[in-house]
Amino acid sequence: MTVTELQPPSILIDVRSAARTLGISPRLLWSLTNDGELPHVRIGRRVLYSPADLAAWIERRKVGGPASLES
């Protein structure tokens, strides 16, 4: 086992990791955060994001695909 396998997954991730996860720039992430579009947590001056919240945010914005053909 490696050290990374022993560490639990992050509950919250920072701005850089969240932007990388979403495939967007940190600047666009800040814009979405400031507009209240992205769920986030403020701890002191830090702004953090839950990977589960980011995945749910993506799911709510999906369009197209097989589900849209049934309508």
N, C-alpha and C. Protein backbone atom coordinates (compact mmCIF):
# COMPACT_ATOMS: atom_id res chain seq x y z
N MET A 1 0.83 -1.19 0.00
CA MET A 1 0.00 0.00 0.00
C MET A 1 0.87 1.25 0.00
N THR A 2 0.43 2.25 -0.77
CA THR A 2 1.16 3.51 -0.79
C THR A 2 0.54 4.47 0.20
N VAL A 3 1.23 5.56 0.46
CA VAL A 3 0.74 6.57 1.39
C VAL A 3 -0.58 7.15 0.90
N THR A 4 -0.72 7.40 -0.41
CA THR A 4 -1.96 7.98 -0.94
C THR A 4 -3.14 7.03 -0.79
N GLU A 5 -2.90 5.74 -0.80
CA GLU A 5 -3.97 4.78 -0.60
C GLU A 5 -4.47 4.78 0.84
N LEU A 6 -3.62 5.18 1.77
CA LEU A 6 -4.00 5.22 3.17
C LEU A 6 -4.76 6.48 3.54
N GLN A 7 -4.62 7.53 2.73
CA GLN A 7 -5.29 8.79 3.03
C GLN A 7 -6.74 8.74 2.56
N PRO A 8 -7.68 9.23 3.39
CA PRO A 8 -9.07 9.26 2.96
C PRO A 8 -9.26 10.30 1.85
N PRO A 9 -10.29 10.15 1.02
CA PRO A 9 -10.54 11.14 -0.02
C PRO A 9 -10.89 12.49 0.63
N SER A 10 -10.55 13.55 -0.06
CA SER A 10 -10.82 14.90 0.46
C SER A 10 -12.32 15.15 0.51
N ILE A 11 -12.77 15.69 1.63
CA ILE A 11 -14.16 16.08 1.76
C ILE A 11 -14.39 17.38 1.00
N LEU A 12 -13.41 18.28 1.08
CA LEU A 12 -13.48 19.56 0.38
C LEU A 12 -12.19 19.77 -0.40
N ILE A 13 -12.31 20.42 -1.55
CA ILE A 13 -11.13 20.71 -2.37
C ILE A 13 -11.02 22.21 -2.59
N ASP A 14 -9.81 22.66 -2.90
CA ASP A 14 -9.58 24.08 -3.09
C ASP A 14 -9.97 24.54 -4.48
N VAL A 15 -9.81 25.84 -4.71
CA VAL A 15 -10.21 26.46 -5.97
C VAL A 15 -9.50 25.83 -7.16
N ARG A 16 -8.21 25.65 -7.05
CA ARG A 16 -7.43 25.11 -8.17
C ARG A 16 -7.90 23.69 -8.53
N SER A 17 -8.11 22.86 -7.51
CA SER A 17 -8.57 21.48 -7.75
C SER A 17 -10.00 21.46 -8.30
N ALA A 18 -10.85 22.34 -7.79
CA ALA A 18 -12.24 22.39 -8.28
C ALA A 18 -12.28 22.81 -9.74
N ALA A 19 -11.49 23.81 -10.10
CA ALA A 19 -11.44 24.26 -11.49
C ALA A 19 -10.94 23.14 -12.40
N ARG A 20 -9.91 22.45 -11.95
CA ARG A 20 -9.37 21.33 -12.73
C ARG A 20 -10.42 20.22 -12.87
N THR A 21 -11.15 19.94 -11.80
CA THR A 21 -12.19 18.92 -11.82
C THR A 21 -13.27 19.25 -12.84
N LEU A 22 -13.66 20.52 -12.91
CA LEU A 22 -14.70 20.94 -13.84
C LEU A 22 -14.18 21.23 -15.24
N GLY A 23 -12.87 21.30 -15.40
CA GLY A 23 -12.28 21.58 -16.71
C GLY A 23 -12.46 23.04 -17.12
N ILE A 24 -12.47 23.93 -16.13
CA ILE A 24 -12.63 25.36 -16.41
C ILE A 24 -11.49 26.12 -15.75
N SER A 25 -11.38 27.39 -16.08
CA SER A 25 -10.33 28.21 -15.48
C SER A 25 -10.73 28.62 -14.06
N PRO A 26 -9.74 28.88 -13.21
CA PRO A 26 -10.07 29.39 -11.88
C PRO A 26 -10.87 30.70 -11.93
N ARG A 27 -10.62 31.50 -12.93
CA ARG A 27 -11.35 32.76 -13.08
C ARG A 27 -12.84 32.51 -13.32
N LEU A 28 -13.18 31.56 -14.19
CA LEU A 28 -14.58 31.23 -14.43
C LEU A 28 -15.20 30.60 -13.18
N LEU A 29 -14.42 29.79 -12.48
CA LEU A 29 -14.91 29.20 -11.23
C LEU A 29 -15.27 30.30 -10.23
N TRP A 30 -14.41 31.32 -10.10
CA TRP A 30 -14.70 32.44 -9.20
C TRP A 30 -15.97 33.15 -9.62
N SER A 31 -16.14 33.34 -10.92
CA SER A 31 -17.33 34.02 -11.42
C SER A 31 -18.59 33.23 -11.07
N LEU A 32 -18.57 31.93 -11.29
CA LEU A 32 -19.72 31.08 -10.95
C LEU A 32 -19.98 31.07 -9.45
N THR A 33 -18.91 31.08 -8.67
CA THR A 33 -19.03 31.10 -7.22
C THR A 33 -19.65 32.41 -6.75
N ASN A 34 -19.11 33.53 -7.24
CA ASN A 34 -19.60 34.85 -6.83
C ASN A 34 -21.03 35.09 -7.27
N ASP A 35 -21.45 34.48 -8.37
CA ASP A 35 -22.83 34.61 -8.85
C ASP A 35 -23.79 33.70 -8.09
N GLY A 36 -23.26 32.87 -7.19
CA GLY A 36 -24.09 31.96 -6.42
C GLY A 36 -24.52 30.72 -7.17
N GLU A 37 -23.87 30.44 -8.31
CA GLU A 37 -24.23 29.28 -9.13
C GLU A 37 -23.64 27.98 -8.60
N LEU A 38 -22.45 28.04 -8.03
CA LEU A 38 -21.77 26.84 -7.55
C LEU A 38 -21.86 26.76 -6.04
N PRO A 39 -22.24 25.60 -5.51
CA PRO A 39 -22.23 25.43 -4.06
C PRO A 39 -20.79 25.45 -3.55
N HIS A 40 -20.56 26.13 -2.46
CA HIS A 40 -19.22 26.24 -1.89
C HIS A 40 -19.31 26.46 -0.39
N VAL A 41 -18.17 26.33 0.26
CA VAL A 41 -18.07 26.52 1.70
C VAL A 41 -16.96 27.53 1.95
N ARG A 42 -17.25 28.50 2.79
CA ARG A 42 -16.22 29.46 3.19
C ARG A 42 -15.77 29.11 4.60
N ILE A 43 -14.47 28.94 4.76
CA ILE A 43 -13.87 28.72 6.06
C ILE A 43 -12.79 29.79 6.20
N GLY A 44 -13.10 30.79 6.99
CA GLY A 44 -12.22 31.94 7.06
C GLY A 44 -12.19 32.61 5.70
N ARG A 45 -11.01 32.80 5.17
CA ARG A 45 -10.87 33.41 3.84
C ARG A 45 -10.87 32.37 2.72
N ARG A 46 -10.78 31.11 3.08
CA ARG A 46 -10.71 30.05 2.07
C ARG A 46 -12.08 29.72 1.53
N VAL A 47 -12.13 29.46 0.23
CA VAL A 47 -13.35 28.99 -0.42
C VAL A 47 -13.05 27.56 -0.87
N LEU A 48 -13.90 26.64 -0.44
CA LEU A 48 -13.70 25.22 -0.72
C LEU A 48 -14.95 24.64 -1.36
N TYR A 49 -14.77 23.54 -2.06
CA TYR A 49 -15.86 22.91 -2.80
C TYR A 49 -15.92 21.43 -2.48
N SER A 50 -17.12 20.89 -2.41
CA SER A 50 -17.32 19.46 -2.21
C SER A 50 -17.34 18.79 -3.59
N PRO A 51 -16.50 17.77 -3.80
CA PRO A 51 -16.55 17.05 -5.08
C PRO A 51 -17.94 16.49 -5.38
N ALA A 52 -18.66 16.05 -4.35
CA ALA A 52 -20.02 15.53 -4.56
C ALA A 52 -20.95 16.64 -5.02
N ASP A 53 -20.82 17.85 -4.46
CA ASP A 53 -21.63 18.98 -4.90
C ASP A 53 -21.32 19.37 -6.34
N LEU A 54 -20.03 19.31 -6.71
CA LEU A 54 -19.65 19.64 -8.09
C LEU A 54 -20.25 18.62 -9.06
N ALA A 55 -20.23 17.34 -8.69
CA ALA A 55 -20.81 16.30 -9.55
C ALA A 55 -22.32 16.50 -9.68
N ALA A 56 -22.99 16.85 -8.59
CA ALA A 56 -24.43 17.10 -8.65
C ALA A 56 -24.74 18.33 -9.50
N TRP A 57 -23.91 19.35 -9.40
CA TRP A 57 -24.07 20.57 -10.21
C TRP A 57 -23.97 20.24 -11.70
N ILE A 58 -23.02 19.38 -12.04
CA ILE A 58 -22.86 18.95 -13.43
C ILE A 58 -24.09 18.18 -13.89
N GLU A 59 -24.58 17.25 -13.08
CA GLU A 59 -25.74 16.44 -13.44
C GLU A 59 -26.97 17.32 -13.70
N ARG A 60 -27.15 18.37 -12.92
CA ARG A 60 -28.31 19.25 -13.10
C ARG A 60 -28.23 20.04 -14.40
N ARG A 61 -27.06 20.17 -14.97
CA ARG A 61 -26.88 20.97 -16.17
C ARG A 61 -26.74 20.15 -17.44
N LYS A 62 -26.79 18.85 -17.33
CA LYS A 62 -26.67 18.00 -18.52
C LYS A 62 -27.86 18.21 -19.45
N VAL A 63 -27.58 18.21 -20.73
CA VAL A 63 -28.62 18.31 -21.75
C VAL A 63 -28.33 17.28 -22.83
N GLY A 64 -29.38 16.91 -23.57
CA GLY A 64 -29.20 15.97 -24.66
C GLY A 64 -29.10 14.54 -24.19
N GLY A 65 -28.74 13.67 -25.12
CA GLY A 65 -28.60 12.25 -24.80
C GLY A 65 -29.91 11.51 -24.91
N PRO A 66 -29.89 10.23 -24.58
CA PRO A 66 -31.07 9.38 -24.73
C PRO A 66 -32.30 9.85 -23.95
N ALA A 67 -32.14 10.42 -22.78
CA ALA A 67 -33.28 10.86 -22.00
C ALA A 67 -34.08 11.94 -22.73
N SER A 68 -33.38 12.80 -23.47
CA SER A 68 -34.08 13.88 -24.17
C SER A 68 -34.85 13.36 -25.37
N LEU A 69 -34.52 12.18 -25.88
CA LEU A 69 -35.23 11.63 -27.02
C LEU A 69 -36.60 11.06 -26.62
N GLU A 70 -36.75 10.73 -25.33
CA GLU A 70 -38.01 10.15 -24.86
C GLU A 70 -39.09 11.19 -24.68
N SER A 71 -38.74 12.46 -24.58
CA SER A 71 -39.73 13.51 -24.32
C SER A 71 -40.62 13.76 -25.49
